[in-house]
Amino acid sequence: LITPVLDFMQTMPAFVYLIPAVFFFSL
């Protein structure tokens, strides 16, 4: 169950995580 989630977390470009992070937690 967890392995595909970990694959997603590691292969998604790092910059993409900044977008929702800004919406949920601002700057």
PDB file of all heavy atoms in Angstrom:
ATOM      1  N   LEU A   1       0.825  -1.211   0.000  1.00  0.00           N
ATOM      2  CA  LEU A   1       0.000   0.000   0.000  1.00  0.00           C
ATOM      3  C   LEU A   1       0.857   1.258   0.000  1.00  0.00           C
ATOM      4  O   LEU A   1       0.558   2.228  -0.722  1.00  0.00           O
ATOM      5  CB  LEU A   1      -0.917  -0.022   1.224  1.00  0.00           C
ATOM      6  CG  LEU A   1      -1.794   1.219   1.453  1.00  0.00           C
ATOM      7  CD1 LEU A   1      -2.823   1.349   0.342  1.00  0.00           C
ATOM      8  CD2 LEU A   1      -2.480   1.142   2.818  1.00  0.00           C
ATOM      9  N   ILE A   2       1.921   1.274   0.795  1.00  0.00           N
ATOM     10  CA  ILE A   2       2.720   2.486   0.985  1.00  0.00           C
ATOM     11  C   ILE A   2       3.750   2.699  -0.118  1.00  0.00           C
ATOM     12  O   ILE A   2       4.060   3.837  -0.467  1.00  0.00           O
ATOM     13  CB  ILE A   2       3.407   2.441   2.367  1.00  0.00           C
ATOM     14  CG1 ILE A   2       2.365   2.599   3.463  1.00  0.00           C
ATOM     15  CG2 ILE A   2       4.468   3.519   2.501  1.00  0.00           C
ATOM     16  CD1 ILE A   2       2.927   2.577   4.860  1.00  0.00           C
ATOM     17  N   THR A   3       4.270   1.621  -0.693  1.00  0.00           N
ATOM     18  CA  THR A   3       5.346   1.750  -1.698  1.00  0.00           C
ATOM     19  C   THR A   3       4.970   2.658  -2.867  1.00  0.00           C
ATOM     20  O   THR A   3       5.761   3.534  -3.244  1.00  0.00           O
ATOM     21  CB  THR A   3       5.765   0.365  -2.208  1.00  0.00           C
ATOM     22  OG1 THR A   3       6.281  -0.401  -1.114  1.00  0.00           O
ATOM     23  CG2 THR A   3       6.849   0.494  -3.281  1.00  0.00           C
ATOM     24  N   PRO A   4       3.780   2.521  -3.489  1.00  0.00           N
ATOM     25  CA  PRO A   4       3.437   3.462  -4.583  1.00  0.00           C
ATOM     26  C   PRO A   4       3.374   4.913  -4.116  1.00  0.00           C
ATOM     27  O   PRO A   4       3.727   5.826  -4.864  1.00  0.00           O
ATOM     28  CB  PRO A   4       2.060   2.966  -5.051  1.00  0.00           C
ATOM     29  CG  PRO A   4       1.972   1.558  -4.590  1.00  0.00           C
ATOM     30  CD  PRO A   4       2.739   1.503  -3.316  1.00  0.00           C
ATOM     31  N   VAL A   5       2.925   5.125  -2.877  1.00  0.00           N
ATOM     32  CA  VAL A   5       2.875   6.490  -2.337  1.00  0.00           C
ATOM     33  C   VAL A   5       4.283   7.059  -2.203  1.00  0.00           C
ATOM     34  O   VAL A   5       4.547   8.214  -2.549  1.00  0.00           O
ATOM     35  CB  VAL A   5       2.158   6.506  -0.977  1.00  0.00           C
ATOM     36  CG1 VAL A   5       2.145   7.923  -0.403  1.00  0.00           C
ATOM     37  CG2 VAL A   5       0.733   5.984  -1.118  1.00  0.00           C
ATOM     38  N   LEU A   6       5.217   6.224  -1.721  1.00  0.00           N
ATOM     39  CA  LEU A   6       6.606   6.667  -1.590  1.00  0.00           C
ATOM     40  C   LEU A   6       7.219   6.955  -2.956  1.00  0.00           C
ATOM     41  O   LEU A   6       7.987   7.911  -3.114  1.00  0.00           O
ATOM     42  CB  LEU A   6       7.425   5.606  -0.855  1.00  0.00           C
ATOM     43  CG  LEU A   6       7.000   5.288   0.578  1.00  0.00           C
ATOM     44  CD1 LEU A   6       7.906   4.220   1.174  1.00  0.00           C
ATOM     45  CD2 LEU A   6       7.022   6.536   1.439  1.00  0.00           C
ATOM     46  N   ASP A   7       6.875   6.120  -3.949  1.00  0.00           N
ATOM     47  CA  ASP A   7       7.369   6.361  -5.313  1.00  0.00           C
ATOM     48  C   ASP A   7       6.889   7.714  -5.820  1.00  0.00           C
ATOM     49  O   ASP A   7       7.655   8.474  -6.437  1.00  0.00           O
ATOM     50  CB  ASP A   7       6.888   5.251  -6.254  1.00  0.00           C
ATOM     51  CG  ASP A   7       7.503   3.902  -5.930  1.00  0.00           C
ATOM     52  OD1 ASP A   7       8.577   3.889  -5.279  1.00  0.00           O
ATOM     53  OD2 ASP A   7       6.924   2.868  -6.306  1.00  0.00           O
ATOM     54  N   PHE A   8       5.620   8.009  -5.560  1.00  0.00           N
ATOM     55  CA  PHE A   8       5.060   9.297  -5.976  1.00  0.00           C
ATOM     56  C   PHE A   8       5.776  10.447  -5.279  1.00  0.00           C
ATOM     57  O   PHE A   8       6.124  11.451  -5.901  1.00  0.00           O
ATOM     58  CB  PHE A   8       3.561   9.314  -5.654  1.00  0.00           C
ATOM     59  CG  PHE A   8       2.878  10.608  -5.991  1.00  0.00           C
ATOM     60  CD1 PHE A   8       2.361  10.838  -7.250  1.00  0.00           C
ATOM     61  CD2 PHE A   8       2.742  11.610  -5.039  1.00  0.00           C
ATOM     62  CE1 PHE A   8       1.729  12.037  -7.557  1.00  0.00           C
ATOM     63  CE2 PHE A   8       2.117  12.808  -5.330  1.00  0.00           C
ATOM     64  CZ  PHE A   8       1.601  13.015  -6.598  1.00  0.00           C
ATOM     65  N   MET A   9       5.994  10.308  -3.964  1.00  0.00           N
ATOM     66  CA  MET A   9       6.622  11.374  -3.184  1.00  0.00           C
ATOM     67  C   MET A   9       8.036  11.664  -3.661  1.00  0.00           C
ATOM     68  O   MET A   9       8.483  12.820  -3.649  1.00  0.00           O
ATOM     69  CB  MET A   9       6.639  10.989  -1.699  1.00  0.00           C
ATOM     70  CG  MET A   9       5.263  10.947  -1.054  1.00  0.00           C
ATOM     71  SD  MET A   9       5.253  10.117   0.559  1.00  0.00           S
ATOM     72  CE  MET A   9       6.264  11.232   1.521  1.00  0.00           C
ATOM     73  N   GLN A  10       8.761  10.618  -4.085  1.00  0.00           N
ATOM     74  CA  GLN A  10      10.160  10.812  -4.469  1.00  0.00           C
ATOM     75  C   GLN A  10      10.331  11.246  -5.915  1.00  0.00           C
ATOM     76  O   GLN A  10      11.313  11.907  -6.237  1.00  0.00           O
ATOM     77  CB  GLN A  10      10.950   9.516  -4.235  1.00  0.00           C
ATOM     78  CG  GLN A  10      11.265   9.255  -2.777  1.00  0.00           C
ATOM     79  CD  GLN A  10      12.250   8.118  -2.603  1.00  0.00           C
ATOM     80  OE1 GLN A  10      11.917   6.967  -2.831  1.00  0.00           O
ATOM     81  NE2 GLN A  10      13.464   8.445  -2.207  1.00  0.00           N
ATOM     82  N   THR A  11       9.416  10.857  -6.791  1.00  0.00           N
ATOM     83  CA  THR A  11       9.588  11.155  -8.210  1.00  0.00           C
ATOM     84  C   THR A  11       8.921  12.461  -8.640  1.00  0.00           C
ATOM     85  O   THR A  11       9.290  13.018  -9.679  1.00  0.00           O
ATOM     86  CB  THR A  11       9.042  10.001  -9.078  1.00  0.00           C
ATOM     87  OG1 THR A  11       7.677   9.742  -8.716  1.00  0.00           O
ATOM     88  CG2 THR A  11       9.851   8.738  -8.863  1.00  0.00           C
ATOM     89  N   MET A  12       7.960  12.937  -7.882  1.00  0.00           N
ATOM     90  CA  MET A  12       7.344  14.224  -8.207  1.00  0.00           C
ATOM     91  C   MET A  12       8.390  15.327  -8.085  1.00  0.00           C
ATOM     92  O   MET A  12       9.124  15.385  -7.101  1.00  0.00           O
ATOM     93  CB  MET A  12       6.176  14.505  -7.258  1.00  0.00           C
ATOM     94  CG  MET A  12       5.489  15.841  -7.483  1.00  0.00           C
ATOM     95  SD  MET A  12       4.629  15.934  -9.063  1.00  0.00           S
ATOM     96  CE  MET A  12       3.239  14.838  -8.779  1.00  0.00           C
ATOM     97  N   PRO A  13       8.517  16.206  -9.093  1.00  0.00           N
ATOM     98  CA  PRO A  13       9.500  17.299  -9.004  1.00  0.00           C
ATOM     99  C   PRO A  13       9.312  18.121  -7.738  1.00  0.00           C
ATOM    100  O   PRO A  13       8.186  18.433  -7.335  1.00  0.00           O
ATOM    101  CB  PRO A  13       9.210  18.135 -10.259  1.00  0.00           C
ATOM    102  CG  PRO A  13       8.598  17.163 -11.220  1.00  0.00           C
ATOM    103  CD  PRO A  13       7.818  16.196 -10.384  1.00  0.00           C
ATOM    104  N   ALA A  14      10.438  18.455  -7.109  1.00  0.00           N
ATOM    105  CA  ALA A  14      10.393  19.131  -5.806  1.00  0.00           C
ATOM    106  C   ALA A  14       9.633  20.449  -5.866  1.00  0.00           C
ATOM    107  O   ALA A  14       8.950  20.828  -4.906  1.00  0.00           O
ATOM    108  CB  ALA A  14      11.816  19.359  -5.302  1.00  0.00           C
ATOM    109  N   PHE A  15       9.737  21.159  -6.983  1.00  0.00           N
ATOM    110  CA  PHE A  15       9.088  22.462  -7.101  1.00  0.00           C
ATOM    111  C   PHE A  15       7.566  22.356  -6.982  1.00  0.00           C
ATOM    112  O   PHE A  15       6.911  23.289  -6.533  1.00  0.00           O
ATOM    113  CB  PHE A  15       9.447  23.121  -8.431  1.00  0.00           C
ATOM    114  CG  PHE A  15      10.867  23.570  -8.529  1.00  0.00           C
ATOM    115  CD1 PHE A  15      11.825  22.746  -9.088  1.00  0.00           C
ATOM    116  CD2 PHE A  15      11.252  24.803  -8.039  1.00  0.00           C
ATOM    117  CE1 PHE A  15      13.151  23.149  -9.161  1.00  0.00           C
ATOM    118  CE2 PHE A  15      12.572  25.222  -8.117  1.00  0.00           C
ATOM    119  CZ  PHE A  15      13.530  24.388  -8.679  1.00  0.00           C
ATOM    120  N   VAL A  16       7.017  21.208  -7.394  1.00  0.00           N
ATOM    121  CA  VAL A  16       5.559  21.057  -7.399  1.00  0.00           C
ATOM    122  C   VAL A  16       5.004  21.112  -5.982  1.00  0.00           C
ATOM    123  O   VAL A  16       3.893  21.605  -5.757  1.00  0.00           O
ATOM    124  CB  VAL A  16       5.165  19.729  -8.082  1.00  0.00           C
ATOM    125  CG1 VAL A  16       3.656  19.510  -8.019  1.00  0.00           C
ATOM    126  CG2 VAL A  16       5.632  19.731  -9.535  1.00  0.00           C
ATOM    127  N   TYR A  17       5.770  20.626  -4.999  1.00  0.00           N
ATOM    128  CA  TYR A  17       5.289  20.609  -3.618  1.00  0.00           C
ATOM    129  C   TYR A  17       5.122  22.022  -3.057  1.00  0.00           C
ATOM    130  O   TYR A  17       4.379  22.221  -2.088  1.00  0.00           O
ATOM    131  CB  TYR A  17       6.255  19.825  -2.727  1.00  0.00           C
ATOM    132  CG  TYR A  17       6.293  18.343  -3.032  1.00  0.00           C
ATOM    133  CD1 TYR A  17       7.487  17.697  -3.291  1.00  0.00           C
ATOM    134  CD2 TYR A  17       5.123  17.597  -3.056  1.00  0.00           C
ATOM    135  CE1 TYR A  17       7.527  16.338  -3.569  1.00  0.00           C
ATOM    136  CE2 TYR A  17       5.146  16.241  -3.339  1.00  0.00           C
ATOM    137  CZ  TYR A  17       6.355  15.619  -3.595  1.00  0.00           C
ATOM    138  OH  TYR A  17       6.377  14.285  -3.878  1.00  0.00           O
ATOM    139  N   LEU A  18       5.819  22.981  -3.651  1.00  0.00           N
ATOM    140  CA  LEU A  18       5.736  24.344  -3.134  1.00  0.00           C
ATOM    141  C   LEU A  18       4.373  24.974  -3.397  1.00  0.00           C
ATOM    142  O   LEU A  18       3.932  25.848  -2.657  1.00  0.00           O
ATOM    143  CB  LEU A  18       6.829  25.214  -3.762  1.00  0.00           C
ATOM    144  CG  LEU A  18       8.276  24.765  -3.550  1.00  0.00           C
ATOM    145  CD1 LEU A  18       9.226  25.737  -4.233  1.00  0.00           C
ATOM    146  CD2 LEU A  18       8.599  24.664  -2.069  1.00  0.00           C
ATOM    147  N   ILE A  19       3.702  24.527  -4.470  1.00  0.00           N
ATOM    148  CA  ILE A  19       2.441  25.157  -4.866  1.00  0.00           C
ATOM    149  C   ILE A  19       1.348  24.923  -3.820  1.00  0.00           C
ATOM    150  O   ILE A  19       0.777  25.875  -3.272  1.00  0.00           O
ATOM    151  CB  ILE A  19       2.002  24.670  -6.260  1.00  0.00           C
ATOM    152  CG1 ILE A  19       3.106  24.937  -7.292  1.00  0.00           C
ATOM    153  CG2 ILE A  19       0.706  25.359  -6.685  1.00  0.00           C
ATOM    154  CD1 ILE A  19       2.841  24.315  -8.646  1.00  0.00           C
ATOM    155  N   PRO A  20       1.001  23.654  -3.497  1.00  0.00           N
ATOM    156  CA  PRO A  20      -0.032  23.473  -2.463  1.00  0.00           C
ATOM    157  C   PRO A  20       0.432  23.935  -1.089  1.00  0.00           C
ATOM    158  O   PRO A  20      -0.390  24.366  -0.272  1.00  0.00           O
ATOM    159  CB  PRO A  20      -0.287  21.961  -2.477  1.00  0.00           C
ATOM    160  CG  PRO A  20       0.952  21.358  -3.064  1.00  0.00           C
ATOM    161  CD  PRO A  20       1.461  22.366  -4.048  1.00  0.00           C
ATOM    162  N   ALA A  21       1.741  23.846  -0.827  1.00  0.00           N
ATOM    163  CA  ALA A  21       2.247  24.287   0.474  1.00  0.00           C
ATOM    164  C   ALA A  21       1.945  25.761   0.704  1.00  0.00           C
ATOM    165  O   ALA A  21       1.594  26.172   1.817  1.00  0.00           O
ATOM    166  CB  ALA A  21       3.745  24.020   0.573  1.00  0.00           C
ATOM    167  N   VAL A  22       2.079  26.568  -0.340  1.00  0.00           N
ATOM    168  CA  VAL A  22       1.787  28.000  -0.227  1.00  0.00           C
ATOM    169  C   VAL A  22       0.302  28.218   0.042  1.00  0.00           C
ATOM    170  O   VAL A  22      -0.083  29.052   0.872  1.00  0.00           O
ATOM    171  CB  VAL A  22       2.221  28.744  -1.506  1.00  0.00           C
ATOM    172  CG1 VAL A  22       1.650  30.151  -1.526  1.00  0.00           C
ATOM    173  CG2 VAL A  22       3.737  28.801  -1.591  1.00  0.00           C
ATOM    174  N   PHE A  23      -0.558  27.452  -0.653  1.00  0.00           N
ATOM    175  CA  PHE A  23      -2.001  27.623  -0.466  1.00  0.00           C
ATOM    176  C   PHE A  23      -2.433  27.246   0.947  1.00  0.00           C
ATOM    177  O   PHE A  23      -3.293  27.893   1.548  1.00  0.00           O
ATOM    178  CB  PHE A  23      -2.773  26.778  -1.485  1.00  0.00           C
ATOM    179  CG  PHE A  23      -2.907  27.426  -2.831  1.00  0.00           C
ATOM    180  CD1 PHE A  23      -2.140  27.002  -3.903  1.00  0.00           C
ATOM    181  CD2 PHE A  23      -3.798  28.474  -3.029  1.00  0.00           C
ATOM    182  CE1 PHE A  23      -2.258  27.598  -5.152  1.00  0.00           C
ATOM    183  CE2 PHE A  23      -3.929  29.074  -4.266  1.00  0.00           C
ATOM    184  CZ  PHE A  23      -3.160  28.638  -5.331  1.00  0.00           C
ATOM    185  N   PHE A  24      -1.847  26.175   1.492  1.00  0.00           N
ATOM    186  CA  PHE A  24      -2.280  25.696   2.801  1.00  0.00           C
ATOM    187  C   PHE A  24      -1.604  26.428   3.958  1.00  0.00           C
ATOM    188  O   PHE A  24      -2.196  26.583   5.030  1.00  0.00           O
ATOM    189  CB  PHE A  24      -1.999  24.197   2.922  1.00  0.00           C
ATOM    190  CG  PHE A  24      -2.739  23.350   1.924  1.00  0.00           C
ATOM    191  CD1 PHE A  24      -2.166  22.201   1.411  1.00  0.00           C
ATOM    192  CD2 PHE A  24      -4.001  23.709   1.488  1.00  0.00           C
ATOM    193  CE1 PHE A  24      -2.846  21.422   0.492  1.00  0.00           C
ATOM    194  CE2 PHE A  24      -4.693  22.936   0.568  1.00  0.00           C
ATOM    195  CZ  PHE A  24      -4.106  21.787   0.063  1.00  0.00           C
ATOM    196  N   PHE A  25      -0.351  26.874   3.763  1.00  0.00           N
ATOM    197  CA  PHE A  25       0.421  27.443   4.872  1.00  0.00           C
ATOM    198  C   PHE A  25       1.004  28.815   4.558  1.00  0.00           C
ATOM    199  O   PHE A  25       1.841  29.308   5.306  1.00  0.00           O
ATOM    200  CB  PHE A  25       1.550  26.493   5.259  1.00  0.00           C
ATOM    201  CG  PHE A  25       1.092  25.119   5.643  1.00  0.00           C
ATOM    202  CD1 PHE A  25       1.109  24.085   4.731  1.00  0.00           C
ATOM    203  CD2 PHE A  25       0.609  24.882   6.913  1.00  0.00           C
ATOM    204  CE1 PHE A  25       0.683  22.815   5.081  1.00  0.00           C
ATOM    205  CE2 PHE A  25       0.177  23.611   7.275  1.00  0.00           C
ATOM    206  CZ  PHE A  25       0.213  22.582   6.350  1.00  0.00           C
ATOM    207  N   SER A  26       0.598  29.409   3.432  1.00  0.00           N
ATOM    208  CA  SER A  26       1.081  30.728   3.026  1.00  0.00           C
ATOM    209  C   SER A  26       2.592  30.729   2.839  1.00  0.00           C
ATOM    210  O   SER A  26       3.162  29.733   2.393  1.00  0.00           O
ATOM    211  CB  SER A  26       0.644  31.793   4.027  1.00  0.00           C
ATOM    212  OG  SER A  26       0.866  33.072   3.491  1.00  0.00           O
ATOM    213  N   LEU A  27       3.268  31.848   3.190  1.00  0.00           N
ATOM    214  CA  LEU A  27       4.703  31.982   2.946  1.00  0.00           C
ATOM    215  C   LEU A  27       5.506  31.707   4.212  1.00  0.00           C
ATOM    216  O   LEU A  27       4.963  31.652   5.314  1.00  0.00           O
ATOM    217  CB  LEU A  27       5.017  33.400   2.449  1.00  0.00           C
ATOM    218  CG  LEU A  27       4.321  33.860   1.179  1.00  0.00           C
ATOM    219  CD1 LEU A  27       4.789  35.252   0.809  1.00  0.00           C
ATOM    220  CD2 LEU A  27       4.588  32.904   0.023  1.00  0.00           C
TER     221      LEU A  27
END
